[in-house]
């Protein structure tokens, strides 16, 4: 089996070399890009399994790259950022990133996050394909169809929604959803779960006015059909 390809997008040479060396020693194949234009070129020309994306680049911003990739792919994206304020992280998650890590970080933590994203993808792939109401789950390509329309969920959005969909009427706390969606190193911003749920609702609203995710105030969220949501 060939090692998974990880696109490392970082403009600081020492950090780029440090990350690439460590993930190579962890059994992955790093493909490096020092700027945004090269990152997009490599993404379009290579088979990429995961992206480590620095937000501060000399040409394109990480946010622009994330947005461009999300228009065509659900490949897992981990943001690498020096910004530690909650609002900056939420913006990145809203654009479709699956996880984030703040500088400075330990290489062990970074690899743990990479492993966790790949592990969740494998679990999704091996799980049963539920069909609930108008939604159909296709685990072979990780898509959710609403009356035949592909919702184009990110990997994390897919994971969260299929968990809710698989347990109709069960109320999931934000902490439970965070433990499902993120690694054990995740620091637990409740707003990040709220942002992912907001994104899922927005994509559902493109095809229906019905709301299938109920907010349980002060607790979390549940999937419900229209009768139980009334």
Protein backbone atom coordinates (compact mmCIF):
# COMPACT_ATOMS: atom_id res chain seq x y z
CA UNK A 1 0.00 0.00 0.00
CA UNK A 2 1.36 3.41 -0.96
CA UNK A 3 1.74 6.01 1.81
CA UNK A 4 -0.92 8.69 1.94
CA UNK A 5 0.01 12.00 0.31
CA UNK A 6 -0.10 15.05 2.57
CA UNK A 7 0.15 18.48 0.96
CA UNK A 8 2.12 20.73 3.33
CA UNK A 9 1.54 24.43 2.58
CA UNK A 10 3.97 26.60 4.56
CA UNK A 11 6.16 29.54 3.55
CA UNK A 12 8.70 29.38 6.39
CA UNK A 13 11.49 27.01 5.23
CA UNK A 14 12.47 25.75 8.68
CA UNK A 15 8.88 24.96 9.66
CA UNK A 16 8.25 23.36 6.26
CA UNK A 17 11.32 21.14 6.61
CA UNK A 18 10.42 20.30 10.22
CA UNK A 19 6.84 19.27 9.39
CA UNK A 20 7.81 17.36 6.24
CA UNK A 21 10.53 15.40 8.01
CA UNK A 22 8.29 14.42 10.91
CA UNK A 23 5.31 13.29 8.87
CA UNK A 24 7.64 11.36 6.53
CA UNK A 25 9.04 9.54 9.55
CA UNK A 26 5.42 8.80 10.55
CA UNK A 27 4.79 6.91 7.34
CA UNK A 28 3.23 9.62 5.17
CA UNK A 29 4.46 11.18 1.93
CA UNK A 30 4.81 14.97 2.20
CA UNK A 31 4.25 17.08 -0.92
CA UNK A 32 5.45 20.61 -0.22
CA UNK A 33 4.28 24.03 -1.36
CA UNK A 34 5.85 27.31 -0.26
CA UNK A 35 3.01 29.50 -1.52
CA UNK A 36 -0.65 29.42 -2.42
CA UNK A 37 -0.31 29.25 -6.21
CA UNK A 38 1.95 26.21 -5.99
CA UNK A 39 -0.40 24.62 -3.46
CA UNK A 40 -3.36 24.89 -5.83
CA UNK A 41 -1.27 23.60 -8.75
CA UNK A 42 -0.12 20.56 -6.75
CA UNK A 43 -3.62 19.92 -5.48
CA UNK A 44 -4.94 19.85 -9.03
CA UNK A 45 -2.10 17.71 -10.40
CA UNK A 46 -1.40 15.25 -7.58
CA UNK A 47 -3.50 12.77 -5.60
CA UNK A 48 -3.79 14.50 -2.23
CA UNK A 49 -5.23 12.72 0.82
CA UNK A 50 -4.93 15.55 3.39
CA UNK A 51 -3.77 19.17 3.48
CA UNK A 52 -1.82 20.99 6.18
CA UNK A 53 -2.55 24.62 5.40
CA UNK A 54 -0.76 27.63 6.86
CA UNK A 55 -3.05 30.67 6.83
CA UNK A 56 -0.33 33.32 6.45
CA UNK A 57 1.18 32.96 2.95
CA UNK A 58 2.95 35.49 0.72
CA UNK A 59 0.55 35.41 -2.22
CA UNK A 60 -2.83 33.85 -1.49
CA UNK A 61 -4.24 33.59 2.01
CA UNK A 62 -4.96 30.22 3.52
CA UNK A 63 -8.61 31.18 3.60
CA UNK A 64 -8.61 31.76 -0.17
CA UNK A 65 -6.94 28.41 -0.78
CA UNK A 66 -9.39 26.62 1.52
CA UNK A 67 -12.34 28.22 -0.23
CA UNK A 68 -11.00 27.29 -3.70
CA UNK A 69 -10.40 23.67 -2.69
CA UNK A 70 -13.81 23.33 -1.06
CA UNK A 71 -15.47 24.27 -4.34
CA UNK A 72 -14.30 20.95 -5.80
CA UNK A 73 -13.16 18.62 -3.02
CA UNK A 74 -13.87 17.38 0.50
CA UNK A 75 -10.25 16.42 1.20
CA UNK A 76 -9.49 16.86 4.93
CA UNK A 77 -7.85 20.21 5.75
CA UNK A 78 -5.99 21.06 8.96
CA UNK A 79 -5.29 24.77 9.39
CA UNK A 80 -1.93 25.78 10.80
CA UNK A 81 -2.19 29.23 12.31
CA UNK A 82 -0.43 31.64 14.62
CA UNK A 83 -3.80 33.22 15.36
CA UNK A 84 -5.04 31.93 18.69
CA UNK A 85 -8.20 34.02 19.10
CA UNK A 86 -11.45 32.11 18.85
CA UNK A 87 -12.98 34.26 16.11
CA UNK A 88 -10.09 33.64 13.68
CA UNK A 89 -10.37 29.91 14.21
CA UNK A 90 -14.14 29.98 13.73
CA UNK A 91 -13.70 31.82 10.42
CA UNK A 92 -11.41 29.05 9.18
CA UNK A 93 -13.80 26.32 10.27
CA UNK A 94 -16.68 28.14 8.59
CA UNK A 95 -14.73 28.08 5.32
CA UNK A 96 -14.55 24.30 5.46
CA UNK A 97 -11.44 23.36 7.45
CA UNK A 98 -11.81 20.13 9.42
CA UNK A 99 -9.42 20.92 12.25
CA UNK A 100 -6.80 23.44 13.30
CA UNK A 101 -3.55 23.59 15.19
CA UNK A 102 -1.91 26.73 16.57
CA UNK A 103 1.76 27.65 16.48
CA UNK A 104 3.89 26.66 18.26
CA UNK A 105 2.84 23.01 18.27
CA UNK A 106 4.46 19.70 19.05
CA UNK A 107 5.04 17.31 16.11
CA UNK A 108 3.42 14.50 18.09
CA UNK A 109 0.23 16.54 18.42
CA UNK A 110 0.23 17.33 14.72
CA UNK A 111 0.63 13.67 13.74
CA UNK A 112 -2.08 12.71 16.26
CA UNK A 113 -4.49 15.09 14.54
CA UNK A 114 -3.55 13.72 11.11
CA UNK A 115 -4.02 10.14 12.32
CA UNK A 116 -7.37 11.03 13.86
CA UNK A 117 -8.69 12.54 10.63
CA UNK A 118 -7.64 9.50 8.62
CA UNK A 119 -9.07 7.19 11.29
CA UNK A 120 -12.44 8.97 11.19
CA UNK A 121 -12.47 8.69 7.41
CA UNK A 122 -11.87 4.95 7.68
CA UNK A 123 -14.65 4.60 10.25
CA UNK A 124 -17.03 6.50 8.02
CA UNK A 125 -16.11 4.30 5.08
CA UNK A 126 -16.67 1.11 7.08
CA UNK A 127 -19.97 2.18 8.63
CA UNK A 128 -23.42 1.24 7.44
CA UNK A 129 -25.19 3.59 5.04
CA UNK A 130 -28.34 4.91 6.72
CA UNK A 131 -31.25 6.33 4.81
CA UNK A 132 -33.50 8.55 6.86
CA UNK A 133 -36.39 10.53 5.41
CA UNK A 134 -35.22 12.39 2.31
CA UNK A 135 -31.51 11.83 3.07
CA UNK A 136 -29.41 9.10 1.54
CA UNK A 137 -25.84 8.40 2.70
CA UNK A 138 -23.28 7.03 0.24
CA UNK A 139 -20.28 5.83 2.23
CA UNK A 140 -18.29 4.90 -0.87
CA UNK A 141 -17.66 8.57 -1.63
CA UNK A 142 -18.84 10.18 1.65
CA UNK A 143 -21.78 12.04 0.17
CA UNK A 144 -25.15 12.98 1.60
CA UNK A 145 -27.98 13.29 -0.91
CA UNK A 146 -31.13 15.27 -0.17
CA UNK A 147 -33.84 14.24 -2.63
CA UNK A 148 -31.06 13.42 -5.08
CA UNK A 149 -29.04 16.60 -4.52
CA UNK A 150 -25.49 16.31 -3.19
CA UNK A 151 -25.07 18.55 -0.13
CA UNK A 152 -21.27 18.73 -0.69
CA UNK A 153 -20.46 18.40 3.01
CA UNK A 154 -16.88 18.60 4.23
CA UNK A 155 -15.40 15.55 5.96
CA UNK A 156 -16.17 16.96 9.41
CA UNK A 157 -19.68 18.09 8.41
CA UNK A 158 -20.30 14.62 6.97
CA UNK A 159 -19.14 12.99 10.19
CA UNK A 160 -21.32 15.19 12.39
CA UNK A 161 -24.44 14.94 10.25
CA UNK A 162 -24.28 11.17 9.77
CA UNK A 163 -23.89 10.74 13.53
CA UNK A 164 -27.02 12.87 14.12
CA UNK A 165 -28.85 11.14 11.28
CA UNK A 166 -27.94 7.70 12.58
CA UNK A 167 -29.57 8.35 15.98
CA UNK A 168 -32.84 10.17 15.26
CA UNK A 169 -34.24 12.13 18.23
CA UNK A 170 -31.14 11.50 20.39
CA UNK A 171 -29.81 14.74 21.83
CA UNK A 172 -26.04 15.05 21.40
CA UNK A 173 -24.21 17.50 23.62
CA UNK A 174 -21.62 19.81 22.06
CA UNK A 175 -18.91 17.95 23.97
CA UNK A 176 -20.09 14.63 22.51
CA UNK A 177 -20.06 16.07 19.01
CA UNK A 178 -16.63 17.64 19.58
CA UNK A 179 -15.23 14.28 20.68
CA UNK A 180 -16.58 12.77 17.47
CA UNK A 181 -15.43 15.55 15.16
CA UNK A 182 -12.04 16.45 16.59
CA UNK A 183 -8.95 14.87 18.11
CA UNK A 184 -8.32 14.32 21.81
CA UNK A 185 -6.17 17.45 21.75
CA UNK A 186 -9.11 19.58 20.69
CA UNK A 187 -9.50 22.41 23.21
CA UNK A 188 -13.26 22.54 23.01
CA UNK A 189 -14.71 25.73 21.57
CA UNK A 190 -18.45 25.15 21.52
CA UNK A 191 -18.80 27.75 18.79
CA UNK A 192 -16.85 25.58 16.36
CA UNK A 193 -19.51 22.87 16.62
CA UNK A 194 -22.14 25.56 16.19
CA UNK A 195 -20.32 26.77 13.05
CA UNK A 196 -20.25 23.31 11.49
CA UNK A 197 -23.95 22.80 12.26
CA UNK A 198 -24.69 26.22 10.76
CA UNK A 199 -22.85 25.18 7.58
CA UNK A 200 -24.82 21.92 7.36
CA UNK A 201 -28.12 23.75 7.81
CA UNK A 202 -27.15 26.27 5.15
CA UNK A 203 -26.43 23.49 2.64
CA UNK A 204 -29.71 21.76 3.47
CA UNK A 205 -31.56 25.06 2.99
CA UNK A 206 -30.40 25.17 -0.64
CA UNK A 207 -32.92 22.41 -1.39
CA UNK A 208 -35.64 22.64 1.25
CA UNK A 209 -37.18 25.02 3.76
CA UNK A 210 -37.47 22.19 6.29
CA UNK A 211 -35.13 22.21 9.28
CA UNK A 212 -33.87 18.74 10.20
CA UNK A 213 -31.47 19.73 12.97
CA UNK A 214 -33.00 21.01 16.17
CA UNK A 215 -31.05 23.13 18.64
CA UNK A 216 -31.55 22.03 22.24
CA UNK A 217 -30.77 25.21 24.12
CA UNK A 218 -27.90 24.89 26.54
CA UNK A 219 -27.23 21.27 25.54
CA UNK A 220 -26.59 20.58 21.87
CA UNK A 221 -28.36 19.22 18.81
CA UNK A 222 -30.58 16.42 17.53
CA UNK A 223 -31.80 15.19 14.16
CA UNK A 224 -35.56 15.06 13.88
CA UNK A 225 -38.12 14.42 11.20
CA UNK A 226 -40.67 17.09 10.50
CA UNK A 227 -43.37 15.64 12.76
CA UNK A 228 -41.10 15.49 15.81
CA UNK A 229 -39.67 18.94 15.04
CA UNK A 230 -43.03 20.64 15.07
